């Protein structure tokens, strides 16, 4: 299983837990698994087209990733919302 880590306000939506062990072969698979396990996250990370929202950054083992990025057992996926303000 891969570990999906959510930060900021996404953590609260994901049951208050920062790390989630999930099964899947791509980043999108893991994000859908997170939505299934924690329905409050639905629509916050992935849009209705199945694309990661532009204000969300995803890193797989420290490298920038996208929906189709392959993941495997032991991989660490970080989901970080962009910080805005001025």
N, C-alpha and C. Protein backbone atom coordinates (compact mmCIF):
# COMPACT_ATOMS: atom_id res chain seq x y z
N UNK A 1 0.83 -1.19 0.00
CA UNK A 1 0.00 0.00 0.00
C UNK A 1 0.87 1.24 0.00
N UNK A 2 0.35 2.29 -0.61
CA UNK A 2 1.02 3.59 -0.60
C UNK A 2 0.44 4.41 0.55
N UNK A 3 1.20 5.40 0.97
CA UNK A 3 0.74 6.30 2.03
C UNK A 3 0.43 7.65 1.40
N UNK A 4 -0.82 8.08 1.54
CA UNK A 4 -1.27 9.37 1.04
C UNK A 4 -1.35 10.32 2.23
N UNK A 5 -0.63 11.42 2.15
CA UNK A 5 -0.58 12.39 3.24
C UNK A 5 -1.32 13.65 2.81
N UNK A 6 -2.24 14.10 3.64
CA UNK A 6 -2.98 15.33 3.35
C UNK A 6 -2.62 16.38 4.39
N UNK A 7 -2.55 17.62 3.96
CA UNK A 7 -2.14 18.72 4.82
C UNK A 7 -3.21 19.81 4.86
N UNK A 8 -3.05 20.73 5.79
CA UNK A 8 -3.93 21.88 5.89
C UNK A 8 -5.37 21.49 6.13
N UNK A 9 -6.28 22.23 5.52
CA UNK A 9 -7.71 21.97 5.74
C UNK A 9 -8.16 20.61 5.21
N UNK A 10 -7.40 20.03 4.30
CA UNK A 10 -7.76 18.71 3.78
C UNK A 10 -7.69 17.65 4.87
N UNK A 11 -6.79 17.85 5.82
CA UNK A 11 -6.65 16.88 6.93
C UNK A 11 -7.95 16.78 7.71
N UNK A 12 -8.57 17.92 8.00
CA UNK A 12 -9.84 17.92 8.75
C UNK A 12 -10.92 17.16 7.96
N UNK A 13 -10.96 17.40 6.64
CA UNK A 13 -11.96 16.72 5.81
C UNK A 13 -11.72 15.22 5.73
N UNK A 14 -10.47 14.81 5.96
CA UNK A 14 -10.11 13.39 5.90
C UNK A 14 -10.13 12.75 7.28
N UNK A 15 -11.05 13.17 8.10
CA UNK A 15 -11.24 12.56 9.40
C UNK A 15 -10.22 12.97 10.44
N UNK A 16 -9.48 14.06 10.17
CA UNK A 16 -8.49 14.54 11.13
C UNK A 16 -7.17 13.78 11.08
N UNK A 17 -7.07 12.86 10.16
CA UNK A 17 -5.86 12.03 10.04
C UNK A 17 -5.01 12.53 8.86
N UNK A 18 -3.71 12.69 9.10
CA UNK A 18 -2.82 13.19 8.05
C UNK A 18 -2.36 12.10 7.09
N UNK A 19 -2.22 10.87 7.56
CA UNK A 19 -1.70 9.80 6.72
C UNK A 19 -2.73 8.69 6.53
N UNK A 20 -2.85 8.25 5.28
CA UNK A 20 -3.83 7.22 4.92
C UNK A 20 -3.16 6.17 4.06
N UNK A 21 -3.20 4.92 4.47
CA UNK A 21 -2.70 3.83 3.66
C UNK A 21 -3.80 3.42 2.70
N UNK A 22 -3.52 3.52 1.40
CA UNK A 22 -4.53 3.27 0.38
C UNK A 22 -3.94 2.41 -0.73
N UNK A 23 -4.82 1.72 -1.45
CA UNK A 23 -4.40 0.90 -2.58
C UNK A 23 -4.76 1.58 -3.88
N UNK A 24 -3.88 1.44 -4.85
CA UNK A 24 -4.11 1.98 -6.18
C UNK A 24 -2.82 1.95 -6.96
N UNK A 25 -2.92 2.12 -8.27
CA UNK A 25 -1.73 2.08 -9.12
C UNK A 25 -1.34 3.45 -9.66
N UNK A 26 -2.23 4.44 -9.49
CA UNK A 26 -1.93 5.81 -9.92
C UNK A 26 -2.34 6.78 -8.81
N UNK A 27 -1.87 8.00 -8.94
CA UNK A 27 -2.26 9.04 -7.98
C UNK A 27 -3.77 9.19 -7.97
N UNK A 28 -4.40 9.20 -9.15
CA UNK A 28 -5.86 9.35 -9.20
C UNK A 28 -6.56 8.20 -8.49
N UNK A 29 -6.08 6.98 -8.62
CA UNK A 29 -6.66 5.84 -7.90
C UNK A 29 -6.65 6.10 -6.39
N UNK A 30 -5.52 6.59 -5.88
CA UNK A 30 -5.41 6.85 -4.44
C UNK A 30 -6.34 7.97 -4.01
N UNK A 31 -6.43 9.01 -4.82
CA UNK A 31 -7.32 10.13 -4.47
C UNK A 31 -8.78 9.68 -4.47
N UNK A 32 -9.15 8.84 -5.42
CA UNK A 32 -10.53 8.29 -5.44
C UNK A 32 -10.76 7.39 -4.22
N UNK A 33 -9.75 6.62 -3.83
CA UNK A 33 -9.88 5.77 -2.65
C UNK A 33 -10.05 6.63 -1.39
N UNK A 34 -9.35 7.75 -1.32
CA UNK A 34 -9.51 8.68 -0.20
C UNK A 34 -10.93 9.23 -0.17
N UNK A 35 -11.45 9.63 -1.34
CA UNK A 35 -12.83 10.14 -1.41
C UNK A 35 -13.84 9.08 -0.97
N UNK A 36 -13.58 7.84 -1.34
CA UNK A 36 -14.48 6.76 -0.96
C UNK A 36 -14.47 6.56 0.56
N UNK A 37 -13.28 6.59 1.14
CA UNK A 37 -13.12 6.39 2.59
C UNK A 37 -13.60 7.60 3.39
N UNK A 38 -13.37 8.79 2.84
CA UNK A 38 -13.73 10.05 3.52
C UNK A 38 -14.50 10.94 2.53
N UNK A 39 -15.80 10.72 2.39
CA UNK A 39 -16.60 11.44 1.40
C UNK A 39 -16.53 12.97 1.50
N UNK A 40 -16.20 13.50 2.67
CA UNK A 40 -16.09 14.96 2.80
C UNK A 40 -14.98 15.53 1.93
N UNK A 41 -14.02 14.71 1.50
CA UNK A 41 -12.94 15.19 0.64
C UNK A 41 -13.37 15.29 -0.83
N UNK A 42 -14.50 14.70 -1.17
CA UNK A 42 -14.96 14.70 -2.56
C UNK A 42 -15.11 16.12 -3.09
N UNK A 43 -14.52 16.34 -4.26
CA UNK A 43 -14.61 17.64 -4.91
C UNK A 43 -13.56 18.64 -4.48
N UNK A 44 -12.85 18.38 -3.42
CA UNK A 44 -11.85 19.33 -2.92
C UNK A 44 -10.49 19.13 -3.59
N UNK A 45 -10.16 17.90 -3.96
CA UNK A 45 -8.86 17.62 -4.56
C UNK A 45 -9.01 17.36 -6.06
N UNK A 46 -9.97 16.53 -6.41
CA UNK A 46 -10.22 16.14 -7.80
C UNK A 46 -11.52 16.80 -8.25
N UNK A 47 -11.48 17.40 -9.45
CA UNK A 47 -12.69 18.05 -9.96
C UNK A 47 -13.59 17.03 -10.67
N UNK A 48 -14.69 17.53 -11.23
CA UNK A 48 -15.68 16.66 -11.87
C UNK A 48 -15.16 15.99 -13.13
N UNK A 49 -14.04 16.48 -13.69
CA UNK A 49 -13.44 15.88 -14.89
C UNK A 49 -12.40 14.81 -14.54
N UNK A 50 -12.15 14.64 -13.24
CA UNK A 50 -11.15 13.68 -12.82
C UNK A 50 -9.75 14.24 -12.83
N UNK A 51 -9.64 15.57 -12.79
CA UNK A 51 -8.34 16.24 -12.78
C UNK A 51 -8.07 16.85 -11.41
N UNK A 52 -6.81 16.85 -11.02
CA UNK A 52 -6.44 17.48 -9.75
C UNK A 52 -6.64 18.98 -9.90
N UNK A 53 -7.31 19.57 -8.93
CA UNK A 53 -7.58 21.01 -8.98
C UNK A 53 -6.27 21.79 -9.01
N UNK A 54 -6.28 22.94 -9.69
CA UNK A 54 -5.04 23.68 -9.91
C UNK A 54 -4.42 24.24 -8.64
N UNK A 55 -5.19 24.39 -7.57
CA UNK A 55 -4.62 24.90 -6.32
C UNK A 55 -4.11 23.79 -5.40
N UNK A 56 -4.07 22.56 -5.92
CA UNK A 56 -3.58 21.41 -5.16
C UNK A 56 -2.25 20.95 -5.78
N UNK A 57 -1.26 20.78 -4.94
CA UNK A 57 0.04 20.26 -5.38
C UNK A 57 0.19 18.82 -4.88
N UNK A 58 0.64 17.94 -5.77
CA UNK A 58 0.83 16.53 -5.42
C UNK A 58 2.28 16.15 -5.70
N UNK A 59 2.89 15.49 -4.73
CA UNK A 59 4.27 15.02 -4.85
C UNK A 59 4.32 13.53 -4.53
N UNK A 60 5.01 12.78 -5.38
CA UNK A 60 5.19 11.35 -5.17
C UNK A 60 6.67 11.13 -4.86
N UNK A 61 6.93 10.70 -3.64
CA UNK A 61 8.31 10.52 -3.18
C UNK A 61 9.16 11.76 -3.42
N UNK A 62 8.56 12.93 -3.19
CA UNK A 62 9.29 14.19 -3.31
C UNK A 62 9.31 14.80 -4.69
N UNK A 63 8.79 14.10 -5.70
CA UNK A 63 8.76 14.61 -7.07
C UNK A 63 7.34 15.00 -7.44
N UNK A 64 7.20 16.10 -8.17
CA UNK A 64 5.87 16.56 -8.60
C UNK A 64 5.18 15.45 -9.38
N UNK A 65 3.90 15.24 -9.09
CA UNK A 65 3.14 14.19 -9.75
C UNK A 65 1.81 14.70 -10.27
N UNK A 66 1.16 13.89 -11.08
CA UNK A 66 -0.15 14.21 -11.63
C UNK A 66 -1.07 13.01 -11.51
N UNK A 67 -2.24 13.12 -12.12
CA UNK A 67 -3.25 12.08 -12.01
C UNK A 67 -2.74 10.71 -12.44
N UNK A 68 -1.98 10.66 -13.53
CA UNK A 68 -1.55 9.39 -14.10
C UNK A 68 -0.22 8.89 -13.55
N UNK A 69 0.38 9.62 -12.61
CA UNK A 69 1.66 9.19 -12.04
C UNK A 69 1.50 7.84 -11.35
N UNK A 70 2.36 6.90 -11.71
CA UNK A 70 2.29 5.56 -11.13
C UNK A 70 2.76 5.58 -9.67
N UNK A 71 2.10 4.76 -8.86
CA UNK A 71 2.47 4.61 -7.46
C UNK A 71 2.53 3.12 -7.13
N UNK A 72 3.34 2.81 -6.15
CA UNK A 72 3.47 1.42 -5.73
C UNK A 72 3.52 1.32 -4.23
N UNK A 73 3.62 0.11 -3.76
CA UNK A 73 3.70 -0.14 -2.32
C UNK A 73 4.90 0.60 -1.75
N UNK A 74 4.68 1.26 -0.64
CA UNK A 74 5.75 1.98 0.03
C UNK A 74 5.96 3.40 -0.44
N UNK A 75 5.28 3.80 -1.52
CA UNK A 75 5.42 5.18 -1.99
C UNK A 75 4.70 6.13 -1.04
N UNK A 76 5.20 7.37 -1.00
CA UNK A 76 4.61 8.41 -0.16
C UNK A 76 4.12 9.53 -1.07
N UNK A 77 2.83 9.81 -0.99
CA UNK A 77 2.19 10.82 -1.81
C UNK A 77 1.74 11.95 -0.90
N UNK A 78 2.23 13.16 -1.18
CA UNK A 78 1.88 14.34 -0.39
C UNK A 78 0.88 15.17 -1.18
N UNK A 79 -0.22 15.52 -0.55
CA UNK A 79 -1.25 16.36 -1.16
C UNK A 79 -1.29 17.66 -0.37
N UNK A 80 -0.88 18.75 -1.03
CA UNK A 80 -0.71 20.02 -0.33
C UNK A 80 -1.49 21.11 -1.03
N UNK A 81 -2.46 21.72 -0.34
CA UNK A 81 -3.17 22.84 -0.96
C UNK A 81 -2.27 24.06 -1.01
N UNK A 82 -2.39 24.84 -2.09
CA UNK A 82 -1.61 26.06 -2.21
C UNK A 82 -2.08 27.07 -1.16
N UNK A 83 -1.15 27.86 -0.68
CA UNK A 83 -1.46 28.89 0.29
C UNK A 83 -1.62 30.21 -0.45
N UNK A 84 -2.73 30.85 -0.21
CA UNK A 84 -2.96 32.15 -0.86
C UNK A 84 -3.07 33.23 0.19
N UNK A 85 -2.96 34.41 -0.26
CA UNK A 85 -3.08 35.54 0.66
C UNK A 85 -2.27 36.70 0.14
N UNK A 86 -2.31 37.75 0.90
CA UNK A 86 -1.56 38.91 0.42
C UNK A 86 -1.32 39.89 1.52
